[in-house]
Protein backbone atom coordinates (compact mmCIF):
# COMPACT_ATOMS: atom_id res chain seq x y z
CA MET A 1 -4.26 -13.15 -14.08
CA SER A 2 -6.66 -13.72 -16.94
CA ASP A 3 -5.72 -13.04 -20.55
CA ASP A 4 -9.01 -11.16 -20.85
CA ARG A 5 -7.72 -7.58 -20.59
CA ARG A 6 -9.63 -4.32 -20.49
CA SER A 7 -8.52 -0.74 -20.94
CA VAL A 8 -8.76 1.77 -18.09
CA LYS A 9 -8.40 5.49 -18.71
CA THR A 10 -7.61 8.20 -16.24
CA TYR A 11 -6.54 11.81 -16.44
CA VAL A 12 -3.74 13.19 -14.31
CA PRO A 13 -1.83 16.47 -14.37
CA ALA A 14 0.93 16.54 -17.00
CA GLU A 15 3.62 16.90 -14.32
CA GLN A 16 2.40 13.78 -12.55
CA LYS A 17 2.32 11.79 -15.79
CA ASP A 18 5.90 12.91 -16.48
CA ARG A 19 7.01 11.80 -12.98
CA TRP A 20 5.31 8.44 -13.49
CA GLN A 21 7.00 8.01 -16.87
CA GLU A 22 10.43 8.86 -15.40
CA HIS A 23 9.92 6.40 -12.55
CA ALA A 24 8.69 3.72 -14.96
CA ASP A 25 11.79 4.28 -17.13
CA GLU A 26 14.05 3.97 -14.06
CA LEU A 27 12.41 0.62 -13.25
CA GLY A 28 12.52 -0.60 -16.86
CA MET A 29 8.73 -0.73 -17.10
CA SER A 30 6.18 0.57 -19.55
CA GLN A 31 3.98 3.29 -18.14
CA SER A 32 0.98 0.94 -18.20
CA GLU A 33 2.90 -1.72 -16.29
CA PHE A 34 4.11 0.90 -13.79
CA VAL A 35 0.62 2.26 -13.10
CA ARG A 36 -0.87 -1.24 -12.84
CA THR A 37 1.91 -2.30 -10.43
CA MET A 38 1.60 0.83 -8.28
CA VAL A 39 -2.17 0.49 -8.02
CA GLN A 40 -1.84 -3.15 -6.95
CA ALA A 41 1.01 -2.28 -4.56
CA GLY A 42 -1.06 0.47 -2.99
CA ARG A 43 -4.05 -1.81 -2.60
CA ARG A 44 -1.93 -4.46 -0.91
CA GLY A 45 0.07 -2.05 1.22
CA PHE A 46 3.28 -3.16 -0.48
CA SER A 47 6.06 -1.07 -1.91
CA LEU A 48 8.37 -1.71 -4.84
CA SER A 49 11.82 -3.06 -4.11
CA ASP A 50 14.87 -1.78 -5.98
CA SER A 51 14.34 -4.60 -8.48
CA GLY A 52 10.87 -3.31 -9.35
CA LYS A 53 9.18 -6.35 -7.79
CA ALA A 54 6.47 -5.94 -5.17
CA ALA A 55 7.95 -6.38 -1.70
CA GLU A 56 6.23 -6.61 1.65
CA PRO A 57 6.97 -3.62 3.87
CA GLY A 58 9.54 -4.08 6.59
CA PRO A 59 9.03 -3.62 10.32
CA SER A 60 6.78 -0.86 11.57
CA GLY A 61 8.16 2.51 10.61
CA SER A 62 10.36 1.04 7.90
CA ASP A 63 10.18 2.79 4.55
CA PRO A 64 12.97 1.53 2.28
CA GLU A 65 12.10 3.85 -0.58
CA GLY A 66 11.70 6.87 1.66
CA ASP A 67 8.60 8.01 -0.20
CA THR A 68 5.99 5.26 0.06
CA LEU A 69 3.61 7.46 2.06
CA GLU A 70 4.25 10.37 -0.31
CA THR A 71 3.56 8.08 -3.27
CA ARG A 72 0.27 6.96 -1.69
CA VAL A 73 -0.72 10.59 -1.02
CA GLU A 74 0.04 11.56 -4.62
CA ALA A 75 -1.94 8.60 -5.93
CA ALA A 76 -4.89 9.47 -3.69
CA LEU A 77 -4.88 13.08 -4.86
CA ALA A 78 -4.48 12.20 -8.55
CA ASP A 79 -8.25 12.39 -9.12
CA GLY A 80 -8.66 15.75 -7.39
CA PRO A 81 -8.87 17.37 -3.99
CA LEU A 82 -9.77 15.35 -0.89
CA SER A 83 -10.68 16.47 2.61
CA TRP A 84 -8.40 15.44 5.48
CA GLU A 85 -10.80 12.63 6.36
CA GLU A 86 -11.02 11.39 2.76
CA LEU A 87 -7.23 11.55 2.36
CA THR A 88 -6.70 9.71 5.64
CA GLU A 89 -9.10 6.97 4.55
CA ALA A 90 -7.43 6.69 1.14
CA VAL A 91 -3.93 6.43 2.62
CA VAL A 92 -4.84 4.16 5.53
CA GLY A 93 -6.94 2.03 3.21
CA ASP A 94 -7.08 -1.55 4.33
CA PHE A 95 -4.88 -1.13 7.42
CA GLU A 96 -7.65 -2.16 9.83
CA ASP A 97 -8.27 -5.34 7.82
CA ARG A 98 -4.53 -6.08 7.79
CA LEU A 99 -4.33 -5.47 11.56
CA GLU A 100 -7.22 -7.85 12.16
CA ASP A 101 -5.56 -10.50 9.96
CA ALA A 102 -2.27 -10.06 11.86
CA LEU A 103 -4.02 -10.39 15.22
CA ASP A 104 -5.86 -13.50 14.01
CA ALA A 105 -2.58 -15.06 12.85
CA LEU A 106 -0.84 -14.20 16.13
CA GLN A 107 -3.75 -15.65 18.10
CA ASP A 108 -3.67 -18.82 15.97
CA ARG A 109 0.01 -19.20 16.93
CA ASN A 110 -0.80 -18.46 20.59
CA ARG A 111 1.45 -15.38 20.59
CA VAL A 112 -1.37 -12.93 21.39
CA ARG A 113 -4.69 -13.28 23.14
CA TYR A 114 -7.51 -10.97 24.06
CA ASN A 115 -7.77 -10.47 27.80
CA GLY A 116 -10.84 -8.54 28.92
CA ARG A 117 -9.59 -8.28 32.50
CA LYS A 118 -6.44 -6.54 31.33
CA GLY A 119 -8.41 -4.38 28.93
CA GLY A 120 -7.19 -5.63 25.57
CA TYR A 121 -4.75 -7.74 23.63
CA THR A 122 -1.69 -9.10 25.42
CA LEU A 123 1.35 -11.15 24.50
CA THR A 124 1.31 -14.68 25.83
CA ASP A 125 4.18 -16.01 27.93
CA GLU A 126 5.14 -18.55 25.26
């Protein structure tokens, strides 16, 4: 990260700011550090571990904090109302890109291949 820093301002409801401050205090972070970390975590699809460090999500359906989706919904709605489609896009975010990367990696390791005759991706016998 460059030492060249810039300020970013946003406006959120007072109750949300208070929740963010409480969570930041629980993690031993400044509010700026908390917001910066949560934005980056949301963009990467990561969640915070108990130590406050960014941690890759566990297996599908795993949600160690129990509120990662709720946190993403709150963050998406922080700037105002969104339609169902807009909210879905904000929460899903880069999932399709991540899925493509995962499939590419699995294909590189010969664990998955695309089989047109079978109508899609299949596991290899290896």
